[in-house]
Amino acid sequence: MTVMSVVVERGLARCPRCVAVADYTFVESGPNSLRYEVNCGKCGEAYCEVHTPVAPDFTAVGDALVVIPPPVPPTAFELRRRQAVAWLTAAAGRIMVRINGIRH
């Protein structure tokens, strides 16, 4: 059985040795194999990586769950602030009732 290699992409990349602009290709070299090649004209580097499918080392369900932190109890300052806002809101409401009562 003969495996035919097919170039699926060509372009420009950086050479991993001298960081000059070099030619790269992605070559499909089988049903489950992809080869990345970088050929540098400046330093002569011929870099190659072969990638094959790999099963993930995590379970998608467990890692996808969002962890919600427990609620933080309010500080003494926050409790005092809430009391002040409630008191001021009530006082403003009473003042508005009096003002509206006088006008009508």
C-alpha atoms as a PDB file:
ATOM      1  CA  MET A   1       0.000   0.000   0.000  1.00  0.00           C
ATOM      2  CA  THR A   2       1.457   3.344  -1.047  1.00  0.00           C
ATOM      3  CA  VAL A   3       0.842   6.438   1.058  1.00  0.00           C
ATOM      4  CA  MET A   4       0.736   9.596  -1.025  1.00  0.00           C
ATOM      5  CA  SER A   5       1.913  12.874   0.509  1.00  0.00           C
ATOM      6  CA  VAL A   6      -0.113  15.958  -0.381  1.00  0.00           C
ATOM      7  CA  VAL A   7       0.922  19.550   0.334  1.00  0.00           C
ATOM      8  CA  VAL A   8      -2.100  21.233   1.914  1.00  0.00           C
ATOM      9  CA  GLU A   9      -0.578  24.649   2.699  1.00  0.00           C
ATOM     10  CA  ARG A  10       2.513  26.715   1.872  1.00  0.00           C
ATOM     11  CA  GLY A  11       3.667  30.020   3.263  1.00  0.00           C
ATOM     12  CA  LEU A  12       6.300  32.008   5.117  1.00  0.00           C
ATOM     13  CA  ALA A  13       7.377  31.401   8.724  1.00  0.00           C
ATOM     14  CA  ARG A  14      10.368  32.142  10.932  1.00  0.00           C
ATOM     15  CA  CYS A  15      13.306  29.753  10.963  1.00  0.00           C
ATOM     16  CA  PRO A  16      13.557  28.078  14.394  1.00  0.00           C
ATOM     17  CA  ARG A  17      17.382  28.394  14.333  1.00  0.00           C
ATOM     18  CA  CYS A  18      18.199  31.856  12.924  1.00  0.00           C
ATOM     19  CA  VAL A  19      14.719  33.500  12.963  1.00  0.00           C
ATOM     20  CA  ALA A  20      15.041  34.509   9.303  1.00  0.00           C
ATOM     21  CA  VAL A  21      12.005  34.362   7.041  1.00  0.00           C
ATOM     22  CA  ALA A  22      11.746  30.819   5.677  1.00  0.00           C
ATOM     23  CA  ASP A  23       9.370  28.700   3.606  1.00  0.00           C
ATOM     24  CA  TYR A  24       6.999  26.326   5.379  1.00  0.00           C
ATOM     25  CA  THR A  25       4.663  23.599   4.201  1.00  0.00           C
ATOM     26  CA  PHE A  26       1.996  21.435   5.785  1.00  0.00           C
ATOM     27  CA  VAL A  27       2.088  17.989   4.199  1.00  0.00           C
ATOM     28  CA  GLU A  28      -0.653  15.444   4.728  1.00  0.00           C
ATOM     29  CA  SER A  29       1.278  12.192   4.800  1.00  0.00           C
ATOM     30  CA  GLY A  30      -1.487   9.729   5.520  1.00  0.00           C
ATOM     31  CA  PRO A  31      -5.037   9.623   6.809  1.00  0.00           C
ATOM     32  CA  ASN A  32      -3.996  10.525  10.385  1.00  0.00           C
ATOM     33  CA  SER A  33      -0.680  12.325   9.965  1.00  0.00           C
ATOM     34  CA  LEU A  34       0.250  15.943   9.247  1.00  0.00           C
ATOM     35  CA  ARG A  35       3.862  17.049   8.779  1.00  0.00           C
ATOM     36  CA  TYR A  36       5.054  20.642   9.307  1.00  0.00           C
ATOM     37  CA  GLU A  37       8.282  21.470   7.475  1.00  0.00           C
ATOM     38  CA  VAL A  38      10.352  24.674   7.585  1.00  0.00           C
ATOM     39  CA  ASN A  39      13.188  25.078   5.072  1.00  0.00           C
ATOM     40  CA  CYS A  40      15.468  28.070   5.651  1.00  0.00           C
ATOM     41  CA  GLY A  41      17.396  29.395   2.668  1.00  0.00           C
ATOM     42  CA  LYS A  42      19.673  31.529   4.860  1.00  0.00           C
ATOM     43  CA  CYS A  43      21.105  28.992   7.339  1.00  0.00           C
ATOM     44  CA  GLY A  44      20.046  25.732   5.654  1.00  0.00           C
ATOM     45  CA  GLU A  45      17.894  24.516   8.566  1.00  0.00           C
ATOM     46  CA  ALA A  46      15.404  21.791   7.605  1.00  0.00           C
ATOM     47  CA  TYR A  47      12.955  21.597  10.538  1.00  0.00           C
ATOM     48  CA  CYS A  48      10.172  19.016  10.648  1.00  0.00           C
ATOM     49  CA  GLU A  49       7.363  18.103  13.078  1.00  0.00           C
ATOM     50  CA  VAL A  50       4.908  15.241  12.627  1.00  0.00           C
ATOM     51  CA  HIS A  51       1.475  15.541  14.224  1.00  0.00           C
ATOM     52  CA  THR A  52      -0.973  12.693  14.746  1.00  0.00           C
ATOM     53  CA  PRO A  53      -4.330  12.664  16.534  1.00  0.00           C
ATOM     54  CA  VAL A  54      -4.038  12.292  20.298  1.00  0.00           C
ATOM     55  CA  ALA A  55      -6.783  11.467  22.743  1.00  0.00           C
ATOM     56  CA  PRO A  56      -7.303  14.345  25.199  1.00  0.00           C
ATOM     57  CA  ASP A  57      -6.048  13.771  28.733  1.00  0.00           C
ATOM     58  CA  PHE A  58      -9.090  15.382  30.361  1.00  0.00           C
ATOM     59  CA  THR A  59     -12.761  14.702  30.660  1.00  0.00           C
ATOM     60  CA  ALA A  60     -14.727  17.436  28.969  1.00  0.00           C
ATOM     61  CA  VAL A  61     -17.627  17.274  31.421  1.00  0.00           C
ATOM     62  CA  GLY A  62     -15.560  17.743  34.576  1.00  0.00           C
ATOM     63  CA  ASP A  63     -13.297  20.438  33.196  1.00  0.00           C
ATOM     64  CA  ALA A  64     -16.141  22.383  31.592  1.00  0.00           C
ATOM     65  CA  LEU A  65     -18.034  22.934  34.840  1.00  0.00           C
ATOM     66  CA  VAL A  66     -17.896  26.442  36.224  1.00  0.00           C
ATOM     67  CA  VAL A  67     -16.945  26.659  39.868  1.00  0.00           C
ATOM     68  CA  ILE A  68     -18.916  29.352  41.681  1.00  0.00           C
ATOM     69  CA  PRO A  69     -17.159  30.543  44.835  1.00  0.00           C
ATOM     70  CA  PRO A  70     -19.158  30.609  48.049  1.00  0.00           C
ATOM     71  CA  PRO A  71     -20.726  33.958  48.968  1.00  0.00           C
ATOM     72  CA  VAL A  72     -18.600  36.241  51.102  1.00  0.00           C
ATOM     73  CA  PRO A  73     -20.317  37.590  54.219  1.00  0.00           C
ATOM     74  CA  PRO A  74     -20.566  41.398  54.250  1.00  0.00           C
ATOM     75  CA  THR A  75     -18.042  43.347  56.271  1.00  0.00           C
ATOM     76  CA  ALA A  76     -19.037  45.581  59.183  1.00  0.00           C
ATOM     77  CA  PHE A  77     -18.522  48.598  56.926  1.00  0.00           C
ATOM     78  CA  GLU A  78     -20.835  47.133  54.266  1.00  0.00           C
ATOM     79  CA  LEU A  79     -23.553  46.435  56.876  1.00  0.00           C
ATOM     80  CA  ARG A  80     -23.285  50.007  58.190  1.00  0.00           C
ATOM     81  CA  ARG A  81     -23.416  51.396  54.633  1.00  0.00           C
ATOM     82  CA  ARG A  82     -26.577  49.381  53.891  1.00  0.00           C
ATOM     83  CA  GLN A  83     -28.196  50.742  57.082  1.00  0.00           C
ATOM     84  CA  ALA A  84     -27.307  54.312  56.114  1.00  0.00           C
ATOM     85  CA  VAL A  85     -28.668  53.894  52.573  1.00  0.00           C
ATOM     86  CA  ALA A  86     -31.914  52.375  53.916  1.00  0.00           C
ATOM     87  CA  TRP A  87     -32.330  55.206  56.439  1.00  0.00           C
ATOM     88  CA  LEU A  88     -31.629  57.918  53.836  1.00  0.00           C
ATOM     89  CA  THR A  89     -34.022  56.294  51.341  1.00  0.00           C
ATOM     90  CA  ALA A  90     -36.794  56.177  53.952  1.00  0.00           C
ATOM     91  CA  ALA A  91     -36.126  59.764  55.022  1.00  0.00           C
ATOM     92  CA  ALA A  92     -36.192  60.984  51.425  1.00  0.00           C
ATOM     93  CA  GLY A  93     -39.492  59.177  50.882  1.00  0.00           C
ATOM     94  CA  ARG A  94     -41.028  60.833  53.970  1.00  0.00           C
ATOM     95  CA  ILE A  95     -39.814  64.255  52.813  1.00  0.00           C
ATOM     96  CA  MET A  96     -41.284  63.733  49.333  1.00  0.00           C
ATOM     97  CA  VAL A  97     -44.646  62.755  50.855  1.00  0.00           C
ATOM     98  CA  ARG A  98     -44.680  65.957  52.886  1.00  0.00           C
ATOM     99  CA  ILE A  99     -43.684  68.094  49.903  1.00  0.00           C
ATOM    100  CA  ASN A 100     -46.310  66.491  47.680  1.00  0.00           C
ATOM    101  CA  GLY A 101     -48.910  66.836  50.437  1.00  0.00           C
ATOM    102  CA  ILE A 102     -48.273  70.557  50.770  1.00  0.00           C
ATOM    103  CA  ARG A 103     -48.545  71.237  47.025  1.00  0.00           C
ATOM    104  CA  HIS A 104     -51.923  69.556  46.630  1.00  0.00           C
END
